[in-house]
Amino acid sequence: MAEPLVVVIPHRLGQAEATRRIRDGLGRARGEFARVLTIENERWDDNRLSFSARALGQSAAGIIDIGEASVRLEVTLPWLLAKFAAAAQRVIGQKGTLMLEKK
């Protein structure tokens, strides 16, 4: 079984604002990555998102925990998607940081 991909992004927004930005950003990401990524299931429980997604014909599941000072994404990838984990980690970190920058 593959190791989970974990990305932690620090922020200074507080939990409520970070949650709002993550929710908005996920909506934009659906359009931006629609050709390669489909969110199949999304369930919010307070400041935690549980989700499942498909990319390249493979399924993955994960969680996003939004805290007062950081956002933590953990997703377990099947072997094919795990091959792209390092690149995905960089992209997720970059996009997440842009989403959570203080404005």
N, C-alpha and C. Protein backbone atom coordinates (compact mmCIF):
# COMPACT_ATOMS: atom_id res chain seq x y z
N MET A 1 0.84 -1.19 0.00
CA MET A 1 0.00 0.00 0.00
C MET A 1 0.88 1.24 0.00
N ALA A 2 0.48 2.24 -0.75
CA ALA A 2 1.25 3.47 -0.89
C ALA A 2 1.17 4.31 0.38
N GLU A 3 2.24 5.03 0.62
CA GLU A 3 2.24 6.00 1.72
C GLU A 3 1.33 7.15 1.34
N PRO A 4 0.66 7.73 2.32
CA PRO A 4 -0.18 8.88 1.97
C PRO A 4 0.67 10.09 1.59
N LEU A 5 0.14 10.88 0.70
CA LEU A 5 0.74 12.16 0.33
C LEU A 5 0.23 13.17 1.35
N VAL A 6 1.13 13.86 2.02
CA VAL A 6 0.75 14.85 3.03
C VAL A 6 1.35 16.19 2.66
N VAL A 7 0.51 17.22 2.67
CA VAL A 7 0.97 18.59 2.42
C VAL A 7 0.41 19.45 3.55
N VAL A 8 1.29 20.18 4.22
CA VAL A 8 0.88 21.11 5.28
C VAL A 8 1.26 22.51 4.83
N ILE A 9 0.26 23.39 4.84
CA ILE A 9 0.46 24.77 4.40
C ILE A 9 0.14 25.71 5.56
N PRO A 10 1.15 26.42 6.07
CA PRO A 10 0.89 27.37 7.15
C PRO A 10 0.14 28.61 6.63
N HIS A 11 -0.60 29.25 7.50
CA HIS A 11 -1.30 30.49 7.14
C HIS A 11 -1.50 31.34 8.39
N ARG A 12 -1.91 32.58 8.16
CA ARG A 12 -2.18 33.52 9.27
C ARG A 12 -3.59 34.09 9.17
N LEU A 13 -4.50 33.31 8.62
CA LEU A 13 -5.85 33.82 8.34
C LEU A 13 -6.87 33.52 9.43
N GLY A 14 -6.58 32.56 10.26
CA GLY A 14 -7.60 32.06 11.17
C GLY A 14 -8.40 30.97 10.46
N GLN A 15 -9.06 30.15 11.23
CA GLN A 15 -9.75 28.99 10.69
C GLN A 15 -10.91 29.34 9.78
N ALA A 16 -11.73 30.31 10.16
CA ALA A 16 -12.91 30.66 9.37
C ALA A 16 -12.54 31.18 7.98
N GLU A 17 -11.60 32.11 7.91
CA GLU A 17 -11.20 32.67 6.62
C GLU A 17 -10.48 31.63 5.77
N ALA A 18 -9.64 30.82 6.38
CA ALA A 18 -8.95 29.77 5.63
C ALA A 18 -9.97 28.77 5.06
N THR A 19 -10.98 28.42 5.84
CA THR A 19 -12.03 27.51 5.36
C THR A 19 -12.76 28.12 4.18
N ARG A 20 -13.11 29.38 4.27
CA ARG A 20 -13.81 30.05 3.18
C ARG A 20 -12.96 30.02 1.90
N ARG A 21 -11.68 30.31 2.04
CA ARG A 21 -10.81 30.34 0.86
C ARG A 21 -10.61 28.94 0.27
N ILE A 22 -10.51 27.95 1.11
CA ILE A 22 -10.36 26.57 0.61
C ILE A 22 -11.62 26.16 -0.14
N ARG A 23 -12.79 26.45 0.44
CA ARG A 23 -14.05 26.12 -0.25
C ARG A 23 -14.13 26.80 -1.62
N ASP A 24 -13.81 28.10 -1.65
CA ASP A 24 -13.83 28.85 -2.92
C ASP A 24 -12.79 28.30 -3.90
N GLY A 25 -11.60 28.01 -3.39
CA GLY A 25 -10.53 27.52 -4.23
C GLY A 25 -10.81 26.15 -4.83
N LEU A 26 -11.48 25.30 -4.08
CA LEU A 26 -11.84 23.99 -4.61
C LEU A 26 -12.83 24.13 -5.77
N GLY A 27 -13.72 25.10 -5.67
CA GLY A 27 -14.65 25.35 -6.77
C GLY A 27 -13.91 25.77 -8.03
N ARG A 28 -12.92 26.63 -7.88
CA ARG A 28 -12.12 27.07 -9.03
C ARG A 28 -11.27 25.92 -9.58
N ALA A 29 -10.73 25.08 -8.69
CA ALA A 29 -9.89 23.97 -9.12
C ALA A 29 -10.67 22.96 -9.94
N ARG A 30 -11.94 22.79 -9.62
CA ARG A 30 -12.77 21.88 -10.41
C ARG A 30 -12.76 22.25 -11.89
N GLY A 31 -12.85 23.55 -12.16
CA GLY A 31 -12.82 24.00 -13.54
C GLY A 31 -11.43 23.95 -14.14
N GLU A 32 -10.44 24.35 -13.38
CA GLU A 32 -9.06 24.43 -13.87
C GLU A 32 -8.49 23.04 -14.19
N PHE A 33 -8.83 22.04 -13.40
CA PHE A 33 -8.27 20.70 -13.58
C PHE A 33 -9.30 19.68 -14.06
N ALA A 34 -10.41 20.15 -14.61
CA ALA A 34 -11.52 19.27 -15.00
C ALA A 34 -11.12 18.19 -16.00
N ARG A 35 -10.15 18.46 -16.84
CA ARG A 35 -9.74 17.46 -17.84
C ARG A 35 -9.03 16.27 -17.22
N VAL A 36 -8.38 16.46 -16.06
CA VAL A 36 -7.61 15.37 -15.46
C VAL A 36 -8.08 14.93 -14.09
N LEU A 37 -8.92 15.73 -13.43
CA LEU A 37 -9.33 15.43 -12.06
C LEU A 37 -10.82 15.63 -11.89
N THR A 38 -11.47 14.63 -11.27
CA THR A 38 -12.89 14.72 -10.97
C THR A 38 -13.09 14.45 -9.48
N ILE A 39 -13.72 15.37 -8.78
CA ILE A 39 -14.08 15.14 -7.38
C ILE A 39 -15.40 14.38 -7.40
N GLU A 40 -15.37 13.16 -6.89
CA GLU A 40 -16.55 12.31 -6.93
C GLU A 40 -17.42 12.44 -5.68
N ASN A 41 -16.79 12.68 -4.56
CA ASN A 41 -17.52 12.75 -3.30
C ASN A 41 -16.86 13.82 -2.44
N GLU A 42 -17.66 14.66 -1.83
CA GLU A 42 -17.14 15.75 -1.00
C GLU A 42 -18.07 15.91 0.19
N ARG A 43 -17.51 15.79 1.40
CA ARG A 43 -18.33 15.94 2.60
C ARG A 43 -17.60 16.83 3.61
N TRP A 44 -18.24 17.95 3.92
CA TRP A 44 -17.69 18.88 4.92
C TRP A 44 -18.28 18.54 6.29
N ASP A 45 -17.41 18.48 7.29
CA ASP A 45 -17.81 18.32 8.67
C ASP A 45 -17.04 19.38 9.45
N ASP A 46 -17.70 20.52 9.63
CA ASP A 46 -17.08 21.68 10.26
C ASP A 46 -15.89 22.13 9.41
N ASN A 47 -14.67 22.02 9.90
CA ASN A 47 -13.49 22.48 9.16
C ASN A 47 -12.68 21.32 8.60
N ARG A 48 -13.34 20.21 8.34
CA ARG A 48 -12.69 19.03 7.75
C ARG A 48 -13.47 18.62 6.51
N LEU A 49 -12.73 18.45 5.43
CA LEU A 49 -13.31 17.97 4.19
C LEU A 49 -12.81 16.54 3.95
N SER A 50 -13.74 15.62 3.78
CA SER A 50 -13.42 14.26 3.33
C SER A 50 -13.83 14.19 1.87
N PHE A 51 -12.99 13.59 1.04
CA PHE A 51 -13.30 13.56 -0.39
C PHE A 51 -12.77 12.30 -1.04
N SER A 52 -13.32 12.01 -2.19
CA SER A 52 -12.75 11.01 -3.09
C SER A 52 -12.69 11.64 -4.47
N ALA A 53 -11.69 11.24 -5.24
CA ALA A 53 -11.46 11.85 -6.54
C ALA A 53 -10.95 10.79 -7.52
N ARG A 54 -11.05 11.12 -8.80
CA ARG A 54 -10.51 10.26 -9.86
C ARG A 54 -9.59 11.10 -10.74
N ALA A 55 -8.46 10.50 -11.07
CA ALA A 55 -7.51 11.11 -12.01
C ALA A 55 -6.83 9.99 -12.77
N LEU A 56 -6.72 10.16 -14.06
CA LEU A 56 -6.07 9.16 -14.92
C LEU A 56 -6.68 7.77 -14.73
N GLY A 57 -8.00 7.73 -14.50
CA GLY A 57 -8.69 6.47 -14.34
C GLY A 57 -8.47 5.81 -12.99
N GLN A 58 -7.82 6.49 -12.06
CA GLN A 58 -7.52 5.94 -10.74
C GLN A 58 -8.30 6.71 -9.67
N SER A 59 -8.68 6.01 -8.61
CA SER A 59 -9.40 6.64 -7.49
C SER A 59 -8.46 6.92 -6.33
N ALA A 60 -8.73 8.01 -5.64
CA ALA A 60 -7.97 8.38 -4.45
C ALA A 60 -8.95 8.97 -3.44
N ALA A 61 -8.60 8.88 -2.17
CA ALA A 61 -9.44 9.45 -1.11
C ALA A 61 -8.55 10.20 -0.14
N GLY A 62 -9.12 11.24 0.47
CA GLY A 62 -8.32 12.01 1.40
C GLY A 62 -9.14 12.92 2.28
N ILE A 63 -8.41 13.68 3.08
CA ILE A 63 -9.03 14.66 3.98
C ILE A 63 -8.23 15.96 3.92
N ILE A 64 -8.93 17.04 4.17
CA ILE A 64 -8.29 18.34 4.37
C ILE A 64 -8.76 18.84 5.72
N ASP A 65 -7.82 19.05 6.63
CA ASP A 65 -8.12 19.61 7.95
C ASP A 65 -7.65 21.06 7.97
N ILE A 66 -8.56 21.96 8.31
CA ILE A 66 -8.24 23.39 8.32
C ILE A 66 -8.17 23.85 9.77
N GLY A 67 -6.97 24.28 10.17
CA GLY A 67 -6.76 24.75 11.53
C GLY A 67 -6.57 26.25 11.58
N GLU A 68 -6.35 26.77 12.77
CA GLU A 68 -6.14 28.21 12.96
C GLU A 68 -4.90 28.72 12.26
N ALA A 69 -3.85 27.87 12.16
CA ALA A 69 -2.58 28.34 11.61
C ALA A 69 -2.04 27.49 10.46
N SER A 70 -2.76 26.42 10.09
CA SER A 70 -2.29 25.60 8.97
C SER A 70 -3.43 24.80 8.36
N VAL A 71 -3.21 24.38 7.13
CA VAL A 71 -4.12 23.49 6.42
C VAL A 71 -3.32 22.22 6.13
N ARG A 72 -3.91 21.07 6.44
CA ARG A 72 -3.23 19.79 6.23
C ARG A 72 -4.06 18.93 5.29
N LEU A 73 -3.46 18.56 4.18
CA LEU A 73 -4.06 17.66 3.20
C LEU A 73 -3.38 16.31 3.33
N GLU A 74 -4.18 15.26 3.44
CA GLU A 74 -3.65 13.90 3.41
C GLU A 74 -4.48 13.10 2.43
N VAL A 75 -3.81 12.51 1.44
CA VAL A 75 -4.51 11.73 0.42
C VAL A 75 -3.72 10.46 0.16
N THR A 76 -4.44 9.34 0.12
CA THR A 76 -3.82 8.06 -0.20
C THR A 76 -4.00 7.81 -1.68
N LEU A 77 -2.88 7.62 -2.36
CA LEU A 77 -2.89 7.50 -3.81
C LEU A 77 -2.65 6.05 -4.24
N PRO A 78 -3.33 5.59 -5.27
CA PRO A 78 -3.02 4.28 -5.84
C PRO A 78 -1.64 4.34 -6.50
N TRP A 79 -1.08 3.20 -6.80
CA TRP A 79 0.31 3.14 -7.27
C TRP A 79 0.58 4.02 -8.48
N LEU A 80 -0.34 4.08 -9.44
CA LEU A 80 -0.10 4.89 -10.63
C LEU A 80 0.00 6.37 -10.29
N LEU A 81 -0.93 6.86 -9.48
CA LEU A 81 -0.90 8.28 -9.10
C LEU A 81 0.26 8.57 -8.15
N ALA A 82 0.67 7.57 -7.37
CA ALA A 82 1.80 7.77 -6.45
C ALA A 82 3.08 8.11 -7.22
N LYS A 83 3.17 7.67 -8.46
CA LYS A 83 4.33 7.99 -9.30
C LYS A 83 4.45 9.51 -9.53
N PHE A 84 3.33 10.20 -9.45
CA PHE A 84 3.30 11.64 -9.67
C PHE A 84 3.23 12.44 -8.36
N ALA A 85 3.44 11.76 -7.23
CA ALA A 85 3.24 12.38 -5.92
C ALA A 85 4.12 13.60 -5.69
N ALA A 86 5.40 13.54 -6.06
CA ALA A 86 6.29 14.67 -5.82
C ALA A 86 5.83 15.91 -6.60
N ALA A 87 5.45 15.70 -7.85
CA ALA A 87 4.97 16.83 -8.65
C ALA A 87 3.65 17.35 -8.09
N ALA A 88 2.77 16.45 -7.70
CA ALA A 88 1.48 16.86 -7.14
C ALA A 88 1.69 17.63 -5.84
N GLN A 89 2.61 17.18 -5.03
CA GLN A 89 2.89 17.85 -3.76
C GLN A 89 3.34 19.29 -4.00
N ARG A 90 4.21 19.50 -4.99
CA ARG A 90 4.67 20.85 -5.32
C ARG A 90 3.51 21.73 -5.78
N VAL A 91 2.70 21.21 -6.70
CA VAL A 91 1.58 21.99 -7.24
C VAL A 91 0.58 22.31 -6.14
N ILE A 92 0.23 21.34 -5.32
CA ILE A 92 -0.73 21.56 -4.24
C ILE A 92 -0.18 22.60 -3.27
N GLY A 93 1.10 22.49 -2.93
CA GLY A 93 1.72 23.46 -2.03
C GLY A 93 1.71 24.87 -2.60
N GLN A 94 2.04 25.00 -3.88
CA GLN A 94 2.06 26.32 -4.51
C GLN A 94 0.67 26.92 -4.61
N LYS A 95 -0.30 26.15 -5.11
CA LYS A 95 -1.67 26.65 -5.25
C LYS A 95 -2.27 26.96 -3.88
N GLY A 96 -2.03 26.08 -2.93
CA GLY A 96 -2.56 26.30 -1.58
C GLY A 96 -1.99 27.55 -0.92
N THR A 97 -0.70 27.75 -1.09
CA THR A 97 -0.06 28.95 -0.52
C THR A 97 -0.64 30.21 -1.14
N LEU A 98 -0.84 30.22 -2.46
CA LEU A 98 -1.45 31.38 -3.11
C LEU A 98 -2.85 31.63 -2.58
N MET A 99 -3.61 30.56 -2.36
CA MET A 99 -4.99 30.67 -1.88
C MET A 99 -5.04 31.25 -0.46
N LEU A 100 -4.00 30.94 0.33
CA LEU A 100 -4.02 31.31 1.75
C LEU A 100 -3.16 32.51 2.10
N GLU A 101 -2.58 33.16 1.09
CA GLU A 101 -1.81 34.37 1.37
C GLU A 101 -2.70 35.45 1.93
N LYS A 102 -2.19 36.16 2.91
CA LYS A 102 -2.94 37.26 3.51
C LYS A 102 -3.09 38.37 2.48
N LYS A 103 -4.33 38.83 2.29
CA LYS A 103 -4.59 39.90 1.31
C LYS A 103 -5.28 41.05 1.97
